[in-house]
Amino acid sequence: MALQLLRFAHYFPLPASFERDFANPNHTSRLHTSTVVGKKLSRLFYKKDYTKSYFLGCSLGGRQGIKAAEKFPGDFDGIVAGSPALDFNNLQSWRANFFIITGPTNASDFISPSMWKNLIHEEVLNQCDGLDGAMDGIIEDPSICRFRPEAIQCKDNSITNCLTPSQVEKVRAIFSPLYRDHRILVYPAMQPGSEIMAVEKLYAGKPFSYSENWFKYVIYNPSWHAASFNTHDAAVAEALNPSNIRTWPCSLSEYRDRGGKLLVYHGGQDNQITSFNTERFYEHLSRGMNASSKELDGFFRFFRVPGMFHCNSGPGAWVIGQGGGDSAKGVPFKSPNNVLAALVRWVENGTAMEDIVGTKFVNDSVDLGITFQHRHCRRYPSRSTFLGGDAALLSSWDCV
């Protein structure tokens, strides 16, 4: 999902084929070309120059936004990059590895969707929901959740509503980082809480289609079998890095020095790209630019959105103006409820956002009204903290 905006409030949506052919590593060059053309068309149409240029994207679109900041720092004055598919080669390997962990649906120790959605997810909430002080069905900060699947391991003669020892190890592997030889990190762990949606594709007992196509048609050839995946394949993909698609810059200093602003958000229950990788990227950029959190704040801010699945939807206050169905239409173009409006304000008025207020509508229907709102804090140094009272009230939380 990606969208460009020039400051005439004139939109230039990308062609339908742009997102369809996900495996084409030249997306960012296409984005640059369409941006250059869009600016020229805008000048011809309005008979004057645009004032500002913005980008809004999520998932692959989020990766495109960060790649644009790295490779074409003059294209956009402001970029919203949601749930970005960073470290792309290793992301595909991480996703491919889930089939190796779960096994096929006919395996004797396969964990069924109902077990993931009910038994395991309920135990995740039992162990981690209250860590933020509020039992509201949402894990505020998955990074402090140390889930212990052995708590629901079968005991004595029990065979129902519990996990066998081998199933416990499968769950433990899923919630652990993926490493290859010599303890080289491939990708961080999946965050607990995402299982209710991740089971639909990543834990479904079949290869994840994006990863399977990636190795068949980009890295190897159509004879490659997903069941044969191992960390050697991850090393091959990373070494090949087709068309420099990885997107893992250690510095965005040129974008910063040109005055660019970057707003990144990621859902805490993302079922396709673990939010822990965006936290890892924040630390990676901090080290690469030798910049403290305060220094990064000048051009780059990262917001976690608890209870949001991949890019949109979920039990949390996920509507922040990023798109994603009818619910997104219920948020006005105003800061701090809308990420793009917040970015425009930051770029054009110099007023950076300390938090973004997310909205959850009843059954995700704007017509039914608001269930609750929640304050999403920038990742460092703040954390949304429960102050007490009614957890559904905005005033019961603060960025501390």
Protein backbone atom coordinates (compact mmCIF):
# COMPACT_ATOMS: atom_id res chain seq x y z
CA MET A 1 0.00 0.00 0.00
CA ALA A 2 1.60 3.27 -1.08
CA LEU A 3 0.45 6.77 -1.87
CA GLN A 4 2.15 9.97 -2.91
CA LEU A 5 0.90 13.45 -2.11
CA LEU A 6 2.01 16.82 -3.38
CA ARG A 7 1.01 19.81 -1.31
CA PHE A 8 -1.80 20.80 -3.65
CA ALA A 9 -3.91 18.11 -1.97
CA HIS A 10 -3.64 16.36 -5.34
CA TYR A 11 -3.10 12.61 -5.11
CA PHE A 12 -1.08 10.45 -7.45
CA PRO A 13 -1.96 6.80 -6.71
CA LEU A 14 0.43 4.19 -8.02
CA PRO A 15 -0.75 1.87 -10.81
CA ALA A 16 -2.51 -1.32 -9.77
CA SER A 17 0.37 -3.48 -11.01
CA PHE A 18 2.79 -1.70 -8.68
CA GLU A 19 1.90 -3.78 -5.61
CA ARG A 20 0.83 -6.91 -7.46
CA ASP A 21 4.27 -7.93 -8.67
CA PHE A 22 5.77 -7.90 -5.17
CA ALA A 23 8.89 -9.81 -6.13
CA ASN A 24 10.15 -7.12 -8.52
CA PRO A 25 13.06 -5.52 -6.63
CA ASN A 26 12.95 -2.30 -8.67
CA HIS A 27 9.90 -0.85 -6.91
CA THR A 28 11.79 2.07 -5.37
CA SER A 29 13.14 3.15 -8.75
CA ARG A 30 9.58 3.06 -10.10
CA LEU A 31 8.49 5.10 -7.12
CA HIS A 32 11.19 7.67 -7.88
CA THR A 33 10.17 7.81 -11.55
CA SER A 34 6.49 8.24 -10.73
CA THR A 35 7.40 10.95 -8.21
CA VAL A 36 9.45 12.89 -10.76
CA VAL A 37 6.66 12.55 -13.34
CA GLY A 38 4.01 13.46 -10.78
CA LYS A 39 5.84 16.66 -9.88
CA LYS A 40 6.15 17.63 -13.54
CA LEU A 41 2.45 16.94 -14.19
CA SER A 42 1.52 18.92 -11.12
CA ARG A 43 3.51 21.89 -12.37
CA LEU A 44 1.81 21.70 -15.78
CA PHE A 45 -1.65 21.34 -14.27
CA TYR A 46 -1.44 24.08 -11.64
CA LYS A 47 0.90 26.42 -13.58
CA LYS A 48 3.10 26.76 -10.52
CA ASP A 49 5.49 24.70 -8.43
CA TYR A 50 4.34 22.45 -5.63
CA THR A 51 5.44 23.41 -2.12
CA LYS A 52 5.85 20.04 -0.40
CA SER A 53 5.91 16.38 -1.35
CA TYR A 54 4.82 13.50 0.91
CA PHE A 55 4.73 9.72 0.89
CA LEU A 56 2.42 7.37 2.78
CA GLY A 57 2.93 3.60 2.63
CA CYS A 58 2.69 0.43 4.68
CA SER A 59 4.34 -3.00 4.55
CA LEU A 60 6.16 -3.12 1.19
CA GLY A 61 5.10 0.51 0.90
CA GLY A 62 6.79 1.21 4.24
CA ARG A 63 9.99 -0.32 2.90
CA GLN A 64 9.70 1.80 -0.24
CA GLY A 65 9.40 4.94 1.88
CA ILE A 66 12.55 4.23 3.86
CA LYS A 67 14.41 3.18 0.72
CA ALA A 68 13.36 6.46 -0.89
CA ALA A 69 14.77 8.38 2.08
CA GLU A 70 18.05 6.50 1.63
CA LYS A 71 18.37 6.43 -2.16
CA PHE A 72 16.41 9.50 -3.30
CA PRO A 73 16.51 11.86 -0.29
CA GLY A 74 15.22 14.80 -2.32
CA ASP A 75 11.98 13.15 -3.43
CA PHE A 76 9.87 13.66 -0.29
CA ASP A 77 9.79 16.29 2.44
CA GLY A 78 7.96 13.86 4.70
CA ILE A 79 7.50 10.10 4.74
CA VAL A 80 5.06 7.92 6.69
CA ALA A 81 6.39 4.36 6.71
CA GLY A 82 4.07 1.85 8.37
CA SER A 83 5.00 -1.72 9.38
CA PRO A 84 7.99 -1.55 7.02
CA ALA A 85 9.29 -4.71 5.31
CA LEU A 86 12.88 -3.90 6.21
CA ASP A 87 15.84 -6.26 5.90
CA PHE A 88 13.79 -7.72 3.07
CA ASN A 89 15.85 -10.78 2.14
CA ASN A 90 15.95 -11.99 5.73
CA LEU A 91 12.25 -11.18 6.16
CA GLN A 92 11.43 -13.66 3.40
CA SER A 93 13.67 -16.28 5.02
CA TRP A 94 12.06 -15.73 8.42
CA ARG A 95 8.62 -16.24 6.90
CA ALA A 96 9.78 -19.35 5.03
CA ASN A 97 11.03 -20.88 8.26
CA PHE A 98 7.57 -21.04 9.87
CA PHE A 99 6.53 -23.93 7.63
CA ILE A 100 9.64 -25.80 8.77
CA ILE A 101 8.58 -25.23 12.39
CA THR A 102 4.87 -25.99 12.10
CA GLY A 103 5.09 -28.87 9.64
CA PRO A 104 2.15 -29.76 7.38
CA THR A 105 -1.42 -29.99 8.62
CA ASN A 106 -1.29 -33.81 8.66
CA ALA A 107 1.70 -33.90 11.02
CA SER A 108 0.89 -35.63 14.32
CA ASP A 109 2.02 -32.62 16.35
CA PHE A 110 0.56 -29.92 14.08
CA ILE A 111 -1.00 -27.11 16.13
CA SER A 112 -4.49 -26.40 14.82
CA PRO A 113 -5.88 -22.90 14.26
CA SER A 114 -8.34 -23.35 17.11
CA MET A 115 -5.51 -24.16 19.51
CA TRP A 116 -3.62 -21.05 18.43
CA LYS A 117 -6.64 -18.77 18.64
CA ASN A 118 -8.06 -20.13 21.87
CA LEU A 119 -5.66 -22.11 24.05
CA ILE A 120 -2.36 -20.40 23.16
CA HIS A 121 -3.63 -16.86 22.66
CA GLU A 122 -5.60 -16.98 25.90
CA GLU A 123 -2.49 -18.13 27.77
CA VAL A 124 -0.44 -15.36 26.14
CA LEU A 125 -2.94 -12.83 27.47
CA ASN A 126 -3.02 -14.59 30.84
CA GLN A 127 0.74 -14.20 31.18
CA CYS A 128 1.30 -10.83 29.51
CA ASP A 129 -1.86 -8.71 29.26
CA GLY A 130 -1.60 -7.41 32.82
CA LEU A 131 2.07 -6.41 32.57
CA ASP A 132 0.99 -2.89 31.61
CA GLY A 133 -1.35 -2.68 34.59
CA ALA A 134 -4.57 -3.03 32.60
CA MET A 135 -6.37 -6.27 31.78
CA ASP A 136 -7.91 -5.09 28.52
CA GLY A 137 -7.07 -7.87 26.06
CA ILE A 138 -4.18 -5.87 24.56
CA ILE A 139 -0.46 -6.23 25.28
CA GLU A 140 0.87 -2.69 25.45
CA ASP A 141 4.54 -3.63 25.06
CA PRO A 142 5.19 -7.14 23.66
CA SER A 143 8.95 -6.71 24.20
CA ILE A 144 8.51 -7.28 27.94
CA CYS A 145 6.35 -10.40 27.45
CA ARG A 146 8.36 -13.55 28.20
CA PHE A 147 5.81 -16.15 27.20
CA ARG A 148 6.27 -19.61 28.74
CA PRO A 149 4.38 -22.18 26.61
CA GLU A 150 5.24 -24.96 29.05
CA ALA A 151 2.56 -23.51 31.32
CA ILE A 152 -0.03 -25.23 29.10
CA GLN A 153 1.89 -28.46 28.50
CA CYS A 154 -0.16 -31.60 29.05
CA LYS A 155 0.22 -33.17 32.48
CA ASP A 156 -0.47 -36.68 33.68
CA ASN A 157 -2.96 -38.27 31.30
CA SER A 158 -4.37 -35.05 29.88
CA ILE A 159 -4.64 -34.96 26.10
CA THR A 160 -7.08 -32.09 25.50
CA ASN A 161 -6.82 -28.34 25.96
CA CYS A 162 -3.07 -28.59 26.39
CA LEU A 163 0.14 -28.90 24.33
CA THR A 164 2.32 -31.95 23.91
CA PRO A 165 6.06 -31.50 24.62
CA SER A 166 6.81 -31.28 20.89
CA GLN A 167 4.10 -28.65 20.42
CA VAL A 168 5.56 -26.63 23.29
CA GLU A 169 8.88 -26.60 21.45
CA LYS A 170 7.17 -25.48 18.24
CA VAL A 171 5.60 -22.53 20.04
CA ARG A 172 8.90 -21.70 21.69
CA ALA A 173 10.65 -21.73 18.29
CA ILE A 174 8.02 -19.44 16.76
CA PHE A 175 8.48 -16.90 19.55
CA SER A 176 12.29 -17.04 19.26
CA PRO A 177 14.65 -15.16 16.91
CA LEU A 178 15.92 -17.00 13.82
CA TYR A 179 19.69 -17.44 13.66
CA ARG A 180 22.02 -19.02 11.14
CA ASP A 181 25.59 -20.24 11.44
CA HIS A 182 27.78 -18.68 14.13
CA ARG A 183 24.71 -17.13 15.78
CA ILE A 184 24.19 -14.56 13.04
CA LEU A 185 20.73 -13.10 13.45
CA VAL A 186 18.45 -13.63 10.48
CA TYR A 187 15.36 -11.98 11.97
CA PRO A 188 13.90 -11.17 15.41
CA ALA A 189 11.17 -13.22 17.07
CA MET A 190 7.47 -12.93 16.35
CA GLN A 191 5.79 -10.83 19.02
CA PRO A 192 3.34 -12.66 21.33
CA GLY A 193 -0.29 -11.72 20.73
CA SER A 194 -0.13 -11.87 16.93
CA GLU A 195 -1.05 -15.56 16.76
CA ILE A 196 -4.79 -15.04 16.26
CA MET A 197 -4.07 -13.70 12.77
CA ALA A 198 -0.64 -15.21 12.07
CA VAL A 199 -2.22 -18.66 12.12
CA GLU A 200 -4.12 -17.77 8.94
CA LYS A 201 -0.93 -17.78 6.85
CA LEU A 202 2.35 -18.12 8.72
CA TYR A 203 1.31 -21.00 10.98
CA ALA A 204 -1.20 -22.57 8.56
CA GLY A 205 0.76 -25.72 7.84
CA LYS A 206 1.68 -24.69 4.31
CA PRO A 207 4.42 -22.52 2.77
CA PHE A 208 3.94 -18.78 3.03
CA SER A 209 3.29 -17.83 -0.60
CA TYR A 210 5.45 -14.69 -0.70
CA SER A 211 8.50 -16.55 0.59
CA GLU A 212 7.88 -19.56 -1.63
CA ASN A 213 7.65 -17.37 -4.74
CA TRP A 214 10.69 -15.37 -3.63
CA PHE A 215 12.95 -18.42 -3.48
CA LYS A 216 11.45 -20.08 -6.57
CA TYR A 217 11.49 -17.14 -8.93
CA VAL A 218 14.06 -14.68 -7.55
CA ILE A 219 16.70 -16.57 -5.57
CA TYR A 220 16.66 -20.07 -7.12
CA ASN A 221 14.32 -21.58 -9.72
CA PRO A 222 10.85 -23.18 -9.85
CA SER A 223 12.21 -26.58 -8.82
CA TRP A 224 12.94 -25.32 -5.29
CA HIS A 225 10.74 -26.87 -2.58
CA ALA A 226 9.61 -24.90 0.47
CA ALA A 227 9.94 -27.98 2.70
CA SER A 228 13.69 -27.96 2.07
CA PHE A 229 14.28 -24.46 3.44
CA ASN A 230 17.15 -24.04 5.86
CA THR A 231 19.36 -21.21 7.07
CA HIS A 232 21.82 -21.82 4.23
CA ASP A 233 19.07 -20.53 1.92
CA ALA A 234 18.83 -17.45 4.12
CA ALA A 235 22.55 -16.85 3.68
CA VAL A 236 22.28 -17.28 -0.10
CA ALA A 237 19.40 -14.79 -0.33
CA GLU A 238 21.20 -12.25 1.83
CA ALA A 239 24.42 -12.55 -0.19
CA LEU A 240 22.54 -12.19 -3.48
CA ASN A 241 20.42 -9.25 -2.31
CA PRO A 242 18.73 -8.75 -5.71
CA SER A 243 18.90 -5.15 -6.90
CA ASN A 244 19.92 -4.09 -3.38
CA ILE A 245 16.40 -4.71 -2.11
CA ARG A 246 17.50 -5.38 1.49
CA THR A 247 16.70 -1.86 2.75
CA TRP A 248 18.73 -1.69 5.94
CA PRO A 249 20.48 1.70 5.90
CA CYS A 250 22.86 2.49 8.73
CA SER A 251 22.44 6.21 8.12
CA LEU A 252 19.81 8.56 6.72
CA SER A 253 21.93 11.64 7.30
CA GLU A 254 21.45 13.03 3.78
CA TYR A 255 17.67 12.87 4.16
CA ARG A 256 17.95 14.46 7.60
CA ASP A 257 20.30 17.20 6.37
CA ARG A 258 17.86 18.11 3.59
CA GLY A 259 15.21 18.69 6.25
CA GLY A 260 13.24 15.49 5.64
CA LYS A 261 11.00 14.03 8.34
CA LEU A 262 10.28 10.32 8.80
CA LEU A 263 7.38 8.95 10.82
CA VAL A 264 7.33 5.18 11.34
CA TYR A 265 4.59 3.14 13.02
CA HIS A 266 4.16 -0.58 13.63
CA GLY A 267 1.36 -2.65 15.11
CA GLY A 268 2.06 -4.66 18.24
CA GLN A 269 0.06 -7.65 16.92
CA ASP A 270 1.45 -7.59 13.39
CA ASN A 271 0.83 -11.02 11.90
CA GLN A 272 3.16 -10.73 8.89
CA ILE A 273 6.17 -8.62 9.94
CA THR A 274 7.25 -8.69 13.56
CA SER A 275 7.27 -5.25 15.15
CA PHE A 276 10.49 -6.24 16.93
CA ASN A 277 12.32 -5.71 13.65
CA THR A 278 11.33 -2.06 13.51
CA GLU A 279 12.61 -1.63 17.06
CA ARG A 280 15.81 -3.31 15.88
CA PHE A 281 16.02 -0.87 12.97
CA TYR A 282 15.64 2.08 15.32
CA GLU A 283 18.63 0.84 17.35
CA HIS A 284 20.56 0.05 14.14
CA LEU A 285 20.05 3.59 12.87
CA SER A 286 20.93 5.08 16.24
CA ARG A 287 24.26 3.25 16.24
CA GLY A 288 24.99 3.90 12.56
CA MET A 289 24.39 7.63 12.88
CA ASN A 290 25.95 7.79 16.35
CA ALA A 291 22.77 9.57 17.42
CA SER A 292 20.92 9.48 20.71
CA SER A 293 17.15 9.14 20.83
CA LYS A 294 16.92 12.89 21.34
CA GLU A 295 19.03 13.50 18.25
CA LEU A 296 17.02 11.05 16.14
CA ASP A 297 13.85 12.80 17.29
CA GLY A 298 14.80 15.75 15.13
CA PHE A 299 13.88 13.88 11.96
CA PHE A 300 12.81 10.30 12.81
CA ARG A 301 10.09 9.18 15.21
CA PHE A 302 8.81 5.66 15.77
CA PHE A 303 5.37 4.89 17.20
CA ARG A 304 4.14 1.48 18.35
CA VAL A 305 0.43 0.79 17.94
CA PRO A 306 -0.66 -1.85 20.49
CA GLY A 307 -3.39 -4.21 19.33
CA MET A 308 -2.96 -3.53 15.61
CA PHE A 309 -2.50 -6.33 13.07
CA HIS A 310 -0.52 -5.86 9.85
CA CYS A 311 -0.98 -2.22 8.79
CA ASN A 312 -4.59 -2.00 10.03
CA SER A 313 -7.40 -3.69 12.00
CA GLY A 314 -7.15 -5.50 15.32
CA PRO A 315 -8.52 -5.11 18.87
CA GLY A 316 -6.53 -1.96 19.60
CA ALA A 317 -7.07 1.68 18.68
CA TRP A 318 -5.59 1.08 15.25
CA VAL A 319 -7.23 3.83 13.18
CA ILE A 320 -4.61 6.57 12.80
CA GLY A 321 -5.38 7.83 9.29
CA GLN A 322 -3.25 5.21 7.56
CA GLY A 323 -5.99 3.68 5.42
CA GLY A 324 -7.49 0.24 5.78
CA GLY A 325 -11.19 0.18 5.03
CA ASP A 326 -14.16 2.23 6.11
CA SER A 327 -12.86 2.82 9.63
CA ALA A 328 -10.07 5.01 8.30
CA LYS A 329 -12.67 7.44 6.97
CA GLY A 330 -13.82 8.17 10.50
CA VAL A 331 -10.66 10.06 11.43
CA PRO A 332 -10.42 13.71 10.31
CA PHE A 333 -7.26 15.06 8.71
CA LYS A 334 -6.05 16.60 11.92
CA SER A 335 -3.08 16.06 14.19
CA PRO A 336 -2.72 14.12 16.47
CA ASN A 337 -5.38 11.65 15.25
CA ASN A 338 -4.03 11.30 11.72
CA VAL A 339 -0.44 10.26 10.97
CA LEU A 340 -0.24 12.11 7.67
CA ALA A 341 -1.69 15.29 9.15
CA ALA A 342 0.79 14.99 12.02
CA LEU A 343 3.64 14.64 9.52
CA VAL A 344 2.48 17.67 7.50
CA ARG A 345 2.35 19.72 10.69
CA TRP A 346 5.86 18.57 11.60
CA VAL A 347 7.28 19.40 8.18
CA GLU A 348 5.50 22.70 7.63
CA ASN A 349 5.20 24.12 11.15
CA GLY A 350 8.14 22.48 12.84
CA THR A 351 5.87 20.98 15.50
CA ALA A 352 6.76 17.32 16.06
CA MET A 353 4.28 14.88 17.55
CA GLU A 354 4.92 13.39 20.97
CA ASP A 355 2.07 10.94 20.59
CA ILE A 356 -0.61 9.86 18.12
CA VAL A 357 -4.14 9.22 19.31
CA GLY A 358 -5.58 6.06 17.81
CA THR A 359 -9.29 5.28 17.53
CA LYS A 360 -11.18 2.01 17.77
CA PHE A 361 -14.71 2.02 16.33
CA VAL A 362 -17.43 -0.37 17.43
CA ASN A 363 -17.04 -3.46 15.21
CA ASP A 364 -14.72 -1.26 13.10
CA SER A 365 -17.80 0.61 11.86
CA VAL A 366 -17.70 4.39 11.96
CA ASP A 367 -21.49 4.54 11.98
CA LEU A 368 -21.61 2.65 15.29
CA GLY A 369 -19.39 5.15 17.06
CA ILE A 370 -16.13 5.04 18.98
CA THR A 371 -15.34 2.21 21.39
CA PHE A 372 -12.23 3.88 22.83
CA GLN A 373 -9.17 5.94 21.95
CA HIS A 374 -5.60 5.33 22.99
CA ARG A 375 -2.43 7.41 23.09
CA HIS A 376 0.41 5.81 21.09
CA CYS A 377 3.77 7.12 22.22
CA ARG A 378 6.97 7.49 20.26
CA ARG A 379 9.09 4.42 20.98
CA TYR A 380 11.96 6.11 22.79
CA PRO A 381 12.14 7.25 25.48
CA SER A 382 8.40 7.12 26.16
CA ARG A 383 6.03 4.22 26.84
CA SER A 384 2.26 4.42 27.13
CA THR A 385 1.67 3.88 30.83
CA PHE A 386 -1.57 3.04 32.62
CA LEU A 387 -2.36 5.61 35.32
CA GLY A 388 -5.34 3.75 36.76
CA GLY A 389 -9.09 3.97 36.44
CA ASP A 390 -10.97 2.95 33.30
CA ALA A 391 -8.49 1.53 30.78
CA ALA A 392 -10.85 2.53 27.94
CA LEU A 393 -10.45 6.23 28.75
CA LEU A 394 -7.76 8.24 26.99
CA SER A 395 -7.07 10.09 30.24
CA SER A 396 -6.11 6.82 31.97
CA TRP A 397 -2.89 6.57 29.96
CA ASP A 398 0.08 8.83 29.53
CA CYS A 399 3.42 8.79 27.75
CA VAL A 400 6.00 8.41 30.51
